[in-house]
N, C-alpha and C. Protein backbone atom coordinates (compact mmCIF):
# COMPACT_ATOMS: atom_id res chain seq x y z
N MET A 1 -0.86 25.56 23.35
CA MET A 1 -0.38 26.37 22.24
C MET A 1 -0.82 25.80 20.90
N LYS A 2 -0.75 24.46 20.77
CA LYS A 2 -1.16 23.83 19.51
C LYS A 2 -2.63 24.11 19.25
N ASN A 3 -3.46 23.97 20.30
CA ASN A 3 -4.88 24.22 20.13
C ASN A 3 -5.17 25.68 19.81
N THR A 4 -4.35 26.58 20.38
CA THR A 4 -4.53 28.01 20.12
C THR A 4 -4.28 28.32 18.66
N LEU A 5 -3.18 27.79 18.11
CA LEU A 5 -2.86 28.02 16.70
C LEU A 5 -3.92 27.43 15.81
N LEU A 6 -4.38 26.23 16.14
CA LEU A 6 -5.41 25.58 15.34
C LEU A 6 -6.69 26.41 15.37
N GLY A 7 -7.07 26.87 16.53
CA GLY A 7 -8.28 27.66 16.64
C GLY A 7 -8.19 28.96 15.88
N PHE A 8 -7.03 29.61 15.93
CA PHE A 8 -6.84 30.85 15.18
C PHE A 8 -6.98 30.63 13.69
N LEU A 9 -6.41 29.56 13.20
CA LEU A 9 -6.49 29.29 11.76
C LEU A 9 -7.92 29.02 11.34
N LEU A 10 -8.67 28.28 12.17
CA LEU A 10 -10.06 28.00 11.84
C LEU A 10 -10.88 29.30 11.77
N VAL A 11 -10.61 30.22 12.70
CA VAL A 11 -11.30 31.50 12.66
C VAL A 11 -10.95 32.25 11.39
N LEU A 12 -9.67 32.26 11.03
CA LEU A 12 -9.23 32.93 9.82
C LEU A 12 -9.89 32.35 8.59
N VAL A 13 -9.95 31.04 8.53
CA VAL A 13 -10.51 30.36 7.37
C VAL A 13 -11.97 30.73 7.17
N PHE A 14 -12.76 30.59 8.22
CA PHE A 14 -14.19 30.76 8.05
C PHE A 14 -14.63 32.22 8.11
N ALA A 15 -13.73 33.09 8.54
CA ALA A 15 -14.03 34.51 8.48
C ALA A 15 -13.77 35.07 7.10
N SER A 16 -12.84 34.44 6.35
CA SER A 16 -12.43 35.00 5.07
C SER A 16 -12.94 34.24 3.88
N THR A 17 -13.59 33.11 4.11
CA THR A 17 -14.03 32.28 2.99
C THR A 17 -15.50 31.95 3.14
N SER A 18 -16.27 32.24 2.12
CA SER A 18 -17.67 31.87 2.14
C SER A 18 -17.85 30.60 1.34
N PRO A 19 -18.84 29.76 1.69
CA PRO A 19 -19.06 28.52 0.95
C PRO A 19 -19.33 28.79 -0.51
N LEU A 20 -18.82 27.92 -1.36
CA LEU A 20 -19.01 28.04 -2.80
C LEU A 20 -20.31 27.33 -3.17
N LEU A 21 -21.29 28.13 -3.54
CA LEU A 21 -22.58 27.57 -3.87
C LEU A 21 -22.72 27.47 -5.38
N GLN A 22 -23.23 26.34 -5.85
CA GLN A 22 -23.39 26.14 -7.28
C GLN A 22 -24.40 25.04 -7.52
N ALA A 23 -24.99 25.07 -8.72
CA ALA A 23 -25.93 24.03 -9.08
C ALA A 23 -25.18 22.71 -9.25
N ALA A 24 -25.84 21.63 -8.84
CA ALA A 24 -25.22 20.32 -8.96
C ALA A 24 -25.06 19.96 -10.43
N GLY A 25 -23.92 19.36 -10.76
CA GLY A 25 -23.67 18.96 -12.13
C GLY A 25 -24.22 17.58 -12.42
N ASP A 26 -24.19 17.21 -13.68
CA ASP A 26 -24.66 15.91 -14.15
C ASP A 26 -23.44 15.03 -14.40
N PRO A 27 -23.20 14.03 -13.55
CA PRO A 27 -22.00 13.20 -13.70
C PRO A 27 -21.98 12.40 -15.00
N ASP A 28 -23.14 12.02 -15.53
CA ASP A 28 -23.16 11.28 -16.79
C ASP A 28 -22.68 12.16 -17.95
N ALA A 29 -23.18 13.39 -17.98
CA ALA A 29 -22.69 14.33 -18.99
C ALA A 29 -21.22 14.66 -18.76
N GLY A 30 -20.84 14.74 -17.48
CA GLY A 30 -19.46 15.03 -17.15
C GLY A 30 -18.50 13.95 -17.57
N GLN A 31 -18.94 12.69 -17.53
CA GLN A 31 -18.08 11.59 -17.95
C GLN A 31 -17.71 11.73 -19.42
N GLU A 32 -18.67 12.13 -20.23
CA GLU A 32 -18.39 12.31 -21.66
C GLU A 32 -17.42 13.48 -21.88
N SER A 33 -17.64 14.57 -21.19
CA SER A 33 -16.76 15.74 -21.33
C SER A 33 -15.36 15.45 -20.81
N ALA A 34 -15.29 14.61 -19.79
CA ALA A 34 -14.01 14.33 -19.14
C ALA A 34 -13.09 13.45 -19.98
N GLN A 35 -13.58 12.92 -21.08
CA GLN A 35 -12.71 12.11 -21.93
C GLN A 35 -11.50 12.91 -22.41
N ALA A 36 -11.69 14.21 -22.57
CA ALA A 36 -10.57 15.06 -22.99
C ALA A 36 -9.51 15.18 -21.90
N CYS A 37 -9.87 14.87 -20.66
CA CYS A 37 -8.96 14.99 -19.52
C CYS A 37 -8.19 13.69 -19.25
N ALA A 38 -8.67 12.59 -19.86
CA ALA A 38 -8.16 11.26 -19.50
C ALA A 38 -6.69 11.07 -19.83
N GLY A 39 -6.20 11.76 -20.85
CA GLY A 39 -4.80 11.57 -21.24
C GLY A 39 -3.83 11.88 -20.12
N CYS A 40 -4.15 12.88 -19.29
CA CYS A 40 -3.28 13.25 -18.17
C CYS A 40 -3.80 12.73 -16.84
N HIS A 41 -5.12 12.76 -16.65
CA HIS A 41 -5.69 12.47 -15.34
C HIS A 41 -6.27 11.07 -15.20
N GLY A 42 -6.17 10.26 -16.25
CA GLY A 42 -6.66 8.89 -16.18
C GLY A 42 -8.12 8.76 -16.53
N GLU A 43 -8.52 7.55 -16.90
CA GLU A 43 -9.88 7.31 -17.35
C GLU A 43 -10.92 7.63 -16.28
N ASN A 44 -10.58 7.37 -15.02
CA ASN A 44 -11.53 7.62 -13.93
C ASN A 44 -10.98 8.63 -12.91
N GLY A 45 -10.06 9.46 -13.38
CA GLY A 45 -9.50 10.49 -12.51
C GLY A 45 -8.33 10.04 -11.67
N ASN A 46 -7.83 8.81 -11.89
CA ASN A 46 -6.66 8.33 -11.18
C ASN A 46 -5.47 8.33 -12.14
N SER A 47 -4.75 9.43 -12.17
CA SER A 47 -3.65 9.57 -13.11
C SER A 47 -2.55 8.56 -12.81
N LEU A 48 -1.93 8.09 -13.88
CA LEU A 48 -0.84 7.13 -13.74
C LEU A 48 0.52 7.80 -13.68
N VAL A 49 0.56 9.09 -13.96
CA VAL A 49 1.80 9.86 -13.92
C VAL A 49 1.75 10.77 -12.70
N ALA A 50 2.73 10.63 -11.81
CA ALA A 50 2.67 11.31 -10.52
C ALA A 50 2.72 12.82 -10.61
N ALA A 51 3.17 13.36 -11.73
CA ALA A 51 3.21 14.80 -11.89
C ALA A 51 1.83 15.39 -12.14
N PHE A 52 0.88 14.55 -12.56
CA PHE A 52 -0.49 15.00 -12.83
C PHE A 52 -1.38 14.60 -11.65
N PRO A 53 -2.16 15.53 -11.12
CA PRO A 53 -2.95 15.21 -9.92
C PRO A 53 -4.08 14.22 -10.20
N LYS A 54 -4.37 13.42 -9.19
CA LYS A 54 -5.59 12.61 -9.24
C LYS A 54 -6.78 13.53 -9.00
N LEU A 55 -7.84 13.31 -9.76
CA LEU A 55 -9.07 14.08 -9.60
C LEU A 55 -10.18 13.26 -8.98
N ALA A 56 -10.02 11.96 -8.95
CA ALA A 56 -11.05 11.06 -8.41
C ALA A 56 -11.32 11.39 -6.94
N GLY A 57 -12.61 11.49 -6.60
CA GLY A 57 -13.00 11.74 -5.23
C GLY A 57 -12.83 13.17 -4.76
N GLN A 58 -12.40 14.04 -5.66
CA GLN A 58 -12.20 15.44 -5.27
C GLN A 58 -13.55 16.16 -5.18
N HIS A 59 -13.65 17.11 -4.26
CA HIS A 59 -14.89 17.86 -4.10
C HIS A 59 -15.22 18.63 -5.37
N ALA A 60 -16.46 18.56 -5.79
CA ALA A 60 -16.87 19.26 -7.00
C ALA A 60 -16.67 20.76 -6.87
N THR A 61 -16.94 21.30 -5.68
CA THR A 61 -16.76 22.74 -5.47
C THR A 61 -15.33 23.17 -5.76
N TYR A 62 -14.37 22.37 -5.31
CA TYR A 62 -12.96 22.70 -5.52
C TYR A 62 -12.59 22.59 -6.99
N LEU A 63 -13.05 21.52 -7.65
CA LEU A 63 -12.71 21.33 -9.06
C LEU A 63 -13.26 22.47 -9.92
N VAL A 64 -14.49 22.87 -9.65
CA VAL A 64 -15.06 24.00 -10.40
C VAL A 64 -14.24 25.26 -10.17
N LYS A 65 -13.87 25.50 -8.92
CA LYS A 65 -13.07 26.68 -8.59
C LYS A 65 -11.75 26.69 -9.37
N GLN A 66 -11.10 25.53 -9.48
CA GLN A 66 -9.83 25.47 -10.19
C GLN A 66 -10.03 25.66 -11.69
N LEU A 67 -11.07 25.06 -12.26
CA LEU A 67 -11.33 25.25 -13.68
C LEU A 67 -11.63 26.72 -13.99
N GLN A 68 -12.36 27.37 -13.11
CA GLN A 68 -12.62 28.79 -13.28
C GLN A 68 -11.32 29.59 -13.23
N ALA A 69 -10.43 29.21 -12.31
CA ALA A 69 -9.16 29.91 -12.16
C ALA A 69 -8.28 29.73 -13.39
N PHE A 70 -8.26 28.53 -13.96
CA PHE A 70 -7.50 28.30 -15.19
C PHE A 70 -8.08 29.13 -16.34
N LYS A 71 -9.40 29.21 -16.38
CA LYS A 71 -10.06 29.94 -17.46
C LYS A 71 -9.83 31.45 -17.36
N ASN A 72 -9.91 32.00 -16.13
CA ASN A 72 -9.75 33.45 -15.99
C ASN A 72 -8.31 33.89 -15.80
N GLY A 73 -7.38 32.92 -15.70
CA GLY A 73 -5.97 33.26 -15.62
C GLY A 73 -5.43 33.49 -14.23
N SER A 74 -6.26 33.35 -13.19
CA SER A 74 -5.75 33.54 -11.84
C SER A 74 -4.89 32.36 -11.39
N ARG A 75 -5.00 31.23 -12.08
CA ARG A 75 -4.07 30.13 -11.91
C ARG A 75 -3.44 29.86 -13.26
N GLN A 76 -2.13 29.92 -13.31
CA GLN A 76 -1.41 29.88 -14.58
C GLN A 76 -0.98 28.48 -14.96
N ASN A 77 -1.46 28.01 -16.09
CA ASN A 77 -1.01 26.76 -16.68
C ASN A 77 -1.53 26.74 -18.11
N ALA A 78 -0.61 26.84 -19.06
CA ALA A 78 -1.01 27.01 -20.45
C ALA A 78 -1.86 25.84 -20.95
N MET A 79 -1.48 24.62 -20.58
CA MET A 79 -2.23 23.45 -21.04
C MET A 79 -3.64 23.44 -20.46
N MET A 80 -3.75 23.67 -19.15
CA MET A 80 -5.06 23.65 -18.53
C MET A 80 -5.92 24.83 -18.97
N ALA A 81 -5.31 25.96 -19.23
CA ALA A 81 -6.06 27.11 -19.74
C ALA A 81 -6.70 26.77 -21.08
N GLY A 82 -5.95 26.05 -21.90
CA GLY A 82 -6.48 25.65 -23.20
C GLY A 82 -7.68 24.74 -23.09
N PHE A 83 -7.67 23.84 -22.09
CA PHE A 83 -8.82 22.96 -21.87
C PHE A 83 -10.00 23.71 -21.25
N ALA A 84 -9.69 24.62 -20.31
CA ALA A 84 -10.75 25.28 -19.56
C ALA A 84 -11.45 26.39 -20.35
N MET A 85 -10.73 27.02 -21.25
CA MET A 85 -11.26 28.20 -21.92
C MET A 85 -12.62 27.96 -22.59
N PRO A 86 -12.80 26.87 -23.33
CA PRO A 86 -14.10 26.70 -24.00
C PRO A 86 -15.21 26.15 -23.10
N LEU A 87 -14.91 25.81 -21.86
CA LEU A 87 -15.91 25.21 -20.98
C LEU A 87 -16.89 26.24 -20.45
N SER A 88 -18.16 25.91 -20.47
CA SER A 88 -19.18 26.74 -19.83
C SER A 88 -19.23 26.38 -18.35
N GLU A 89 -19.97 27.18 -17.58
CA GLU A 89 -20.15 26.88 -16.16
C GLU A 89 -20.82 25.51 -15.99
N ARG A 90 -21.76 25.20 -16.86
CA ARG A 90 -22.44 23.91 -16.80
C ARG A 90 -21.45 22.78 -17.10
N ASP A 91 -20.60 22.96 -18.11
CA ASP A 91 -19.59 21.95 -18.43
C ASP A 91 -18.71 21.67 -17.22
N MET A 92 -18.27 22.74 -16.57
CA MET A 92 -17.40 22.60 -15.40
C MET A 92 -18.11 21.84 -14.28
N ALA A 93 -19.36 22.20 -14.03
CA ALA A 93 -20.12 21.52 -12.97
C ALA A 93 -20.30 20.04 -13.29
N ASN A 94 -20.53 19.72 -14.55
CA ASN A 94 -20.72 18.32 -14.95
C ASN A 94 -19.44 17.51 -14.78
N ILE A 95 -18.34 18.06 -15.26
CA ILE A 95 -17.04 17.37 -15.14
C ILE A 95 -16.69 17.16 -13.67
N ALA A 96 -16.89 18.20 -12.87
CA ALA A 96 -16.58 18.12 -11.44
C ALA A 96 -17.45 17.07 -10.76
N ALA A 97 -18.72 17.01 -11.14
CA ALA A 97 -19.64 16.02 -10.54
C ALA A 97 -19.20 14.61 -10.88
N TYR A 98 -18.72 14.40 -12.09
CA TYR A 98 -18.25 13.06 -12.49
C TYR A 98 -17.04 12.64 -11.66
N TYR A 99 -16.04 13.51 -11.57
CA TYR A 99 -14.85 13.13 -10.83
C TYR A 99 -15.13 12.96 -9.34
N ALA A 100 -16.04 13.75 -8.81
CA ALA A 100 -16.37 13.65 -7.38
C ALA A 100 -16.94 12.29 -7.02
N GLU A 101 -17.57 11.62 -8.00
CA GLU A 101 -18.17 10.31 -7.73
C GLU A 101 -17.17 9.15 -7.87
N GLN A 102 -16.00 9.41 -8.40
CA GLN A 102 -15.03 8.34 -8.60
C GLN A 102 -14.25 8.07 -7.31
N LYS A 103 -13.72 6.88 -7.21
CA LYS A 103 -12.96 6.49 -6.01
C LYS A 103 -11.47 6.64 -6.28
N ILE A 104 -10.80 7.35 -5.40
CA ILE A 104 -9.37 7.56 -5.57
C ILE A 104 -8.59 6.29 -5.25
N SER A 105 -7.53 6.05 -5.98
CA SER A 105 -6.73 4.83 -5.80
C SER A 105 -5.65 5.06 -4.75
N PRO A 106 -5.25 4.00 -4.03
CA PRO A 106 -4.16 4.13 -3.06
C PRO A 106 -2.81 4.22 -3.76
N ASN A 107 -1.82 4.70 -3.04
CA ASN A 107 -0.46 4.82 -3.59
C ASN A 107 0.47 3.79 -2.97
N ASP A 108 1.50 3.47 -3.70
CA ASP A 108 2.59 2.68 -3.14
C ASP A 108 3.42 3.59 -2.23
N LEU A 109 4.18 2.97 -1.35
CA LEU A 109 5.05 3.73 -0.47
C LEU A 109 6.03 4.56 -1.31
N PRO A 110 6.19 5.84 -1.00
CA PRO A 110 7.15 6.66 -1.76
C PRO A 110 8.54 6.07 -1.72
N VAL A 111 9.27 6.31 -2.79
CA VAL A 111 10.65 5.85 -2.90
C VAL A 111 11.55 7.07 -2.89
N SER A 112 12.60 7.03 -2.09
CA SER A 112 13.51 8.17 -2.02
C SER A 112 14.06 8.47 -3.40
N ASP A 113 14.15 9.76 -3.72
CA ASP A 113 14.68 10.17 -5.02
C ASP A 113 16.17 10.46 -4.96
N GLU A 114 16.80 10.10 -3.86
CA GLU A 114 18.23 10.34 -3.69
C GLU A 114 19.05 9.23 -4.34
N ASP A 115 19.78 9.56 -5.38
CA ASP A 115 20.56 8.56 -6.12
C ASP A 115 21.98 8.41 -5.58
N ASP A 116 22.52 9.44 -5.01
CA ASP A 116 23.90 9.42 -4.51
C ASP A 116 23.92 8.71 -3.17
N ALA A 117 24.65 7.58 -3.10
CA ALA A 117 24.66 6.76 -1.89
C ALA A 117 25.24 7.52 -0.71
N ASP A 118 26.30 8.32 -0.93
CA ASP A 118 26.90 9.08 0.17
C ASP A 118 25.95 10.16 0.66
N ALA A 119 25.32 10.84 -0.28
CA ALA A 119 24.38 11.90 0.10
C ALA A 119 23.16 11.31 0.80
N ALA A 120 22.79 10.10 0.40
CA ALA A 120 21.60 9.47 0.98
C ALA A 120 21.78 9.23 2.47
N LYS A 121 23.02 9.07 2.91
CA LYS A 121 23.27 8.83 4.33
C LYS A 121 22.84 10.03 5.19
N THR A 122 22.81 11.20 4.59
CA THR A 122 22.43 12.40 5.34
C THR A 122 20.94 12.68 5.26
N GLN A 123 20.21 11.88 4.46
CA GLN A 123 18.79 12.09 4.29
C GLN A 123 17.99 11.18 5.23
N LYS A 124 16.83 11.64 5.64
CA LYS A 124 15.96 10.79 6.44
C LYS A 124 15.37 9.69 5.58
N SER A 125 15.09 8.55 6.21
CA SER A 125 14.43 7.47 5.50
C SER A 125 12.99 7.86 5.20
N VAL A 126 12.38 7.15 4.25
CA VAL A 126 10.99 7.42 3.91
C VAL A 126 10.07 7.26 5.13
N PRO A 127 10.18 6.16 5.91
CA PRO A 127 9.33 6.05 7.11
C PRO A 127 9.53 7.20 8.09
N ALA A 128 10.77 7.67 8.24
CA ALA A 128 11.03 8.79 9.14
C ALA A 128 10.39 10.07 8.62
N LEU A 129 10.44 10.27 7.32
CA LEU A 129 9.81 11.44 6.72
C LEU A 129 8.30 11.39 6.88
N ILE A 130 7.73 10.21 6.71
CA ILE A 130 6.28 10.07 6.86
C ILE A 130 5.87 10.37 8.30
N ALA A 131 6.66 9.91 9.26
CA ALA A 131 6.37 10.21 10.68
C ALA A 131 6.47 11.70 10.94
N GLN A 132 7.49 12.34 10.39
CA GLN A 132 7.64 13.78 10.53
C GLN A 132 6.45 14.50 9.89
N GLY A 133 6.07 14.03 8.72
CA GLY A 133 4.94 14.64 8.02
C GLY A 133 3.63 14.48 8.77
N SER A 134 3.46 13.35 9.44
CA SER A 134 2.26 13.12 10.23
C SER A 134 2.14 14.12 11.37
N ASP A 135 3.26 14.37 12.04
CA ASP A 135 3.27 15.34 13.14
C ASP A 135 3.00 16.75 12.61
N LEU A 136 3.60 17.09 11.48
CA LEU A 136 3.41 18.42 10.91
C LEU A 136 1.97 18.60 10.45
N TYR A 137 1.40 17.56 9.85
CA TYR A 137 0.02 17.64 9.38
C TYR A 137 -0.93 17.93 10.53
N ARG A 138 -0.72 17.26 11.65
CA ARG A 138 -1.65 17.39 12.78
C ARG A 138 -1.33 18.58 13.68
N ASN A 139 -0.08 18.91 13.84
CA ASN A 139 0.30 19.90 14.85
C ASN A 139 0.96 21.16 14.29
N GLY A 140 1.37 21.14 13.04
CA GLY A 140 2.09 22.28 12.50
C GLY A 140 3.47 22.40 13.12
N ASN A 141 4.07 23.57 12.96
CA ASN A 141 5.37 23.86 13.56
C ASN A 141 5.26 25.23 14.23
N LEU A 142 5.04 25.21 15.53
CA LEU A 142 4.81 26.45 16.27
C LEU A 142 6.01 27.38 16.23
N ALA A 143 7.20 26.81 16.23
CA ALA A 143 8.41 27.63 16.28
C ALA A 143 8.50 28.57 15.07
N ARG A 144 8.03 28.08 13.91
CA ARG A 144 8.09 28.91 12.69
C ARG A 144 6.70 29.31 12.20
N GLU A 145 5.71 29.10 13.04
CA GLU A 145 4.33 29.50 12.74
C GLU A 145 3.80 28.84 11.46
N VAL A 146 4.13 27.57 11.31
CA VAL A 146 3.56 26.77 10.21
C VAL A 146 2.28 26.14 10.74
N SER A 147 1.16 26.48 10.14
CA SER A 147 -0.14 26.00 10.62
C SER A 147 -0.34 24.52 10.31
N ALA A 148 -1.13 23.87 11.14
CA ALA A 148 -1.44 22.45 10.95
C ALA A 148 -2.39 22.28 9.76
N CYS A 149 -2.08 21.31 8.91
CA CYS A 149 -2.90 21.05 7.73
C CYS A 149 -4.30 20.58 8.09
N ILE A 150 -4.40 19.93 9.26
CA ILE A 150 -5.66 19.33 9.68
C ILE A 150 -6.77 20.37 9.80
N ALA A 151 -6.41 21.62 10.07
CA ALA A 151 -7.41 22.67 10.30
C ALA A 151 -8.32 22.87 9.09
N CYS A 152 -7.75 22.81 7.90
CA CYS A 152 -8.53 23.02 6.68
C CYS A 152 -8.82 21.72 5.94
N HIS A 153 -7.91 20.78 6.01
CA HIS A 153 -8.02 19.58 5.18
C HIS A 153 -8.51 18.34 5.93
N GLY A 154 -8.81 18.50 7.22
CA GLY A 154 -9.44 17.43 7.97
C GLY A 154 -8.48 16.39 8.51
N PRO A 155 -8.90 15.62 9.50
CA PRO A 155 -8.02 14.64 10.15
C PRO A 155 -7.56 13.52 9.23
N ALA A 156 -8.33 13.22 8.20
CA ALA A 156 -7.96 12.13 7.29
C ALA A 156 -7.70 12.65 5.88
N GLY A 157 -7.44 13.96 5.74
CA GLY A 157 -7.15 14.53 4.44
C GLY A 157 -8.36 14.65 3.54
N GLU A 158 -9.56 14.67 4.17
CA GLU A 158 -10.79 14.67 3.39
C GLU A 158 -11.21 16.04 2.90
N GLY A 159 -10.57 17.09 3.37
CA GLY A 159 -10.88 18.44 2.92
C GLY A 159 -12.17 18.97 3.52
N ASN A 160 -12.66 20.04 2.92
CA ASN A 160 -13.88 20.69 3.39
C ASN A 160 -14.68 21.11 2.16
N ARG A 161 -15.72 20.35 1.84
CA ARG A 161 -16.47 20.59 0.61
C ARG A 161 -17.14 21.96 0.56
N PRO A 162 -17.89 22.39 1.59
CA PRO A 162 -18.56 23.70 1.50
C PRO A 162 -17.59 24.86 1.30
N ALA A 163 -16.42 24.78 1.94
CA ALA A 163 -15.44 25.85 1.83
C ALA A 163 -14.54 25.70 0.60
N ALA A 164 -14.74 24.62 -0.17
CA ALA A 164 -13.93 24.34 -1.37
C ALA A 164 -12.46 24.14 -1.03
N PHE A 165 -12.18 23.59 0.17
CA PHE A 165 -10.82 23.18 0.50
C PHE A 165 -10.66 21.74 0.02
N PRO A 166 -9.63 21.45 -0.76
CA PRO A 166 -9.56 20.16 -1.44
C PRO A 166 -9.30 18.97 -0.52
N SER A 167 -9.81 17.84 -0.96
CA SER A 167 -9.39 16.56 -0.39
C SER A 167 -7.96 16.32 -0.84
N LEU A 168 -7.12 15.86 0.07
CA LEU A 168 -5.71 15.61 -0.25
C LEU A 168 -5.33 14.14 -0.18
N LYS A 169 -6.13 13.34 0.50
CA LYS A 169 -5.75 11.95 0.77
C LYS A 169 -5.48 11.18 -0.51
N SER A 170 -4.42 10.37 -0.47
CA SER A 170 -4.00 9.50 -1.58
C SER A 170 -3.61 10.26 -2.83
N GLN A 171 -3.34 11.57 -2.69
CA GLN A 171 -2.83 12.31 -3.84
C GLN A 171 -1.38 11.93 -4.09
N HIS A 172 -0.91 12.05 -5.32
CA HIS A 172 0.49 11.75 -5.62
C HIS A 172 1.41 12.67 -4.82
N ALA A 173 2.43 12.08 -4.17
CA ALA A 173 3.38 12.88 -3.40
C ALA A 173 4.12 13.86 -4.30
N GLU A 174 4.48 13.44 -5.49
CA GLU A 174 5.21 14.32 -6.40
C GLU A 174 4.40 15.57 -6.73
N TYR A 175 3.12 15.38 -6.97
CA TYR A 175 2.27 16.53 -7.28
C TYR A 175 2.14 17.44 -6.06
N LEU A 176 1.97 16.86 -4.87
CA LEU A 176 1.85 17.66 -3.66
C LEU A 176 3.11 18.48 -3.40
N ILE A 177 4.27 17.88 -3.61
CA ILE A 177 5.53 18.58 -3.42
C ILE A 177 5.61 19.77 -4.37
N LYS A 178 5.22 19.55 -5.64
CA LYS A 178 5.24 20.64 -6.62
C LYS A 178 4.26 21.74 -6.23
N ALA A 179 3.06 21.37 -5.80
CA ALA A 179 2.07 22.37 -5.43
C ALA A 179 2.54 23.21 -4.25
N LEU A 180 3.05 22.56 -3.20
CA LEU A 180 3.53 23.30 -2.04
C LEU A 180 4.74 24.17 -2.38
N SER A 181 5.61 23.65 -3.23
CA SER A 181 6.78 24.43 -3.65
C SER A 181 6.35 25.67 -4.44
N ASP A 182 5.34 25.52 -5.27
CA ASP A 182 4.83 26.65 -6.05
C ASP A 182 4.15 27.68 -5.14
N TYR A 183 3.42 27.20 -4.14
CA TYR A 183 2.85 28.13 -3.17
C TYR A 183 3.97 28.87 -2.42
N LYS A 184 5.02 28.14 -2.08
CA LYS A 184 6.13 28.71 -1.32
C LYS A 184 6.80 29.85 -2.08
N THR A 185 7.02 29.64 -3.38
CA THR A 185 7.70 30.65 -4.19
C THR A 185 6.78 31.73 -4.72
N GLY A 186 5.47 31.50 -4.61
CA GLY A 186 4.52 32.45 -5.16
C GLY A 186 4.13 32.16 -6.59
N ALA A 187 4.66 31.06 -7.17
CA ALA A 187 4.30 30.70 -8.54
C ALA A 187 2.82 30.34 -8.65
N ARG A 188 2.25 29.88 -7.55
CA ARG A 188 0.82 29.61 -7.48
C ARG A 188 0.24 30.37 -6.31
N GLY A 189 -0.88 31.03 -6.52
CA GLY A 189 -1.40 31.85 -5.45
C GLY A 189 -2.91 31.94 -5.37
N ASN A 190 -3.63 31.04 -6.05
CA ASN A 190 -5.09 31.16 -6.06
C ASN A 190 -5.74 30.44 -4.88
N SER A 191 -5.32 30.81 -3.67
CA SER A 191 -5.96 30.29 -2.47
C SER A 191 -6.53 31.48 -1.70
N PRO A 192 -7.56 31.27 -0.87
CA PRO A 192 -8.21 32.37 -0.17
C PRO A 192 -7.21 33.22 0.61
N ASP A 193 -7.19 34.54 0.33
CA ASP A 193 -6.29 35.47 1.01
C ASP A 193 -4.84 35.03 0.93
N ASN A 194 -4.52 34.28 -0.15
CA ASN A 194 -3.15 33.78 -0.34
C ASN A 194 -2.68 32.95 0.86
N MET A 195 -3.63 32.26 1.48
CA MET A 195 -3.37 31.50 2.71
C MET A 195 -2.26 30.46 2.53
N MET A 196 -2.33 29.70 1.42
CA MET A 196 -1.35 28.64 1.24
C MET A 196 0.06 29.19 1.03
N HIS A 197 0.19 30.33 0.41
CA HIS A 197 1.51 30.95 0.27
C HIS A 197 2.06 31.33 1.64
N MET A 198 1.21 31.89 2.48
CA MET A 198 1.65 32.31 3.81
C MET A 198 2.12 31.13 4.65
N ILE A 199 1.50 29.97 4.44
CA ILE A 199 1.90 28.77 5.17
C ILE A 199 3.15 28.14 4.55
N ALA A 200 3.12 27.92 3.24
CA ALA A 200 4.19 27.18 2.57
C ALA A 200 5.52 27.92 2.60
N LYS A 201 5.49 29.24 2.59
CA LYS A 201 6.75 29.99 2.55
C LYS A 201 7.56 29.79 3.83
N LYS A 202 6.91 29.34 4.90
CA LYS A 202 7.60 29.11 6.17
C LYS A 202 8.08 27.67 6.31
N MET A 203 7.73 26.83 5.34
CA MET A 203 8.11 25.41 5.41
C MET A 203 9.47 25.18 4.75
N THR A 204 10.24 24.26 5.34
CA THR A 204 11.49 23.85 4.71
C THR A 204 11.19 22.84 3.60
N GLU A 205 12.15 22.61 2.73
CA GLU A 205 11.99 21.61 1.68
C GLU A 205 11.75 20.23 2.28
N GLU A 206 12.42 19.93 3.38
CA GLU A 206 12.22 18.64 4.03
C GLU A 206 10.81 18.52 4.57
N GLU A 207 10.28 19.58 5.15
CA GLU A 207 8.91 19.54 5.66
C GLU A 207 7.90 19.36 4.52
N ILE A 208 8.14 20.02 3.42
CA ILE A 208 7.25 19.88 2.26
C ILE A 208 7.25 18.43 1.79
N LYS A 209 8.43 17.84 1.69
CA LYS A 209 8.50 16.44 1.27
C LYS A 209 7.84 15.53 2.30
N ALA A 210 8.11 15.78 3.57
CA ALA A 210 7.58 14.92 4.64
C ALA A 210 6.06 14.92 4.66
N VAL A 211 5.45 16.09 4.63
CA VAL A 211 3.99 16.15 4.72
C VAL A 211 3.36 15.63 3.43
N SER A 212 4.03 15.80 2.30
CA SER A 212 3.52 15.26 1.04
C SER A 212 3.56 13.74 1.05
N TYR A 213 4.63 13.17 1.57
CA TYR A 213 4.70 11.72 1.69
C TYR A 213 3.59 11.19 2.59
N ARG A 214 3.38 11.88 3.73
CA ARG A 214 2.34 11.42 4.67
C ARG A 214 0.96 11.47 4.03
N ILE A 215 0.63 12.59 3.38
CA ILE A 215 -0.68 12.73 2.76
C ILE A 215 -0.90 11.68 1.69
N SER A 216 0.15 11.38 0.94
CA SER A 216 0.02 10.39 -0.14
C SER A 216 -0.32 9.00 0.38
N MET A 217 -0.07 8.75 1.66
CA MET A 217 -0.35 7.46 2.26
C MET A 217 -1.68 7.41 2.99
N MET A 218 -2.41 8.53 3.02
CA MET A 218 -3.71 8.53 3.68
C MET A 218 -4.72 7.78 2.81
N PRO A 219 -5.37 6.76 3.34
CA PRO A 219 -6.30 5.95 2.52
C PRO A 219 -7.62 6.69 2.25
């Protein structure tokens, strides 16, 4: 059954998504342009604030796709729209090429955000959540038809460059939780055929946290 679900998702993905073809950018030119991004995303794409995503090591195809989405309004974020609006296609390709060459930094073990000691007793420990997230990442949840993340994002969270599916490994857990929560509610929807919304809406808050914790620990 697990293999059947995985196979179905792979068929869906490659039937509905064509590879994103684009001219290669100039990483040296991109480094200069990316200085405007450093305040949130860090000097080399490794943001120090967990609410802002790391861009280091991300596929250029995916980064260009997101910049285009911010510019055309299909992905809503006032701050990012302001940065993306004046960028040309060449600017986007250059910036994406620069970040794609950078090495993503590892994360520390997530720390539970539960402050109430009594409430914390009812919560799973961080290691237990990571174990749960590992199973969900690889196998999904057949009972609720939650697809396995591995189908699109690879066994080590490396993503799929030709299909513009992002690398997820070593991303901030906080950012991943926000992204999945936004997909779940429909606040974010710029994925092929709204695929991520269809998956995330079936996930519980605990599953979102668990898989985000696991991905954040992928080296």
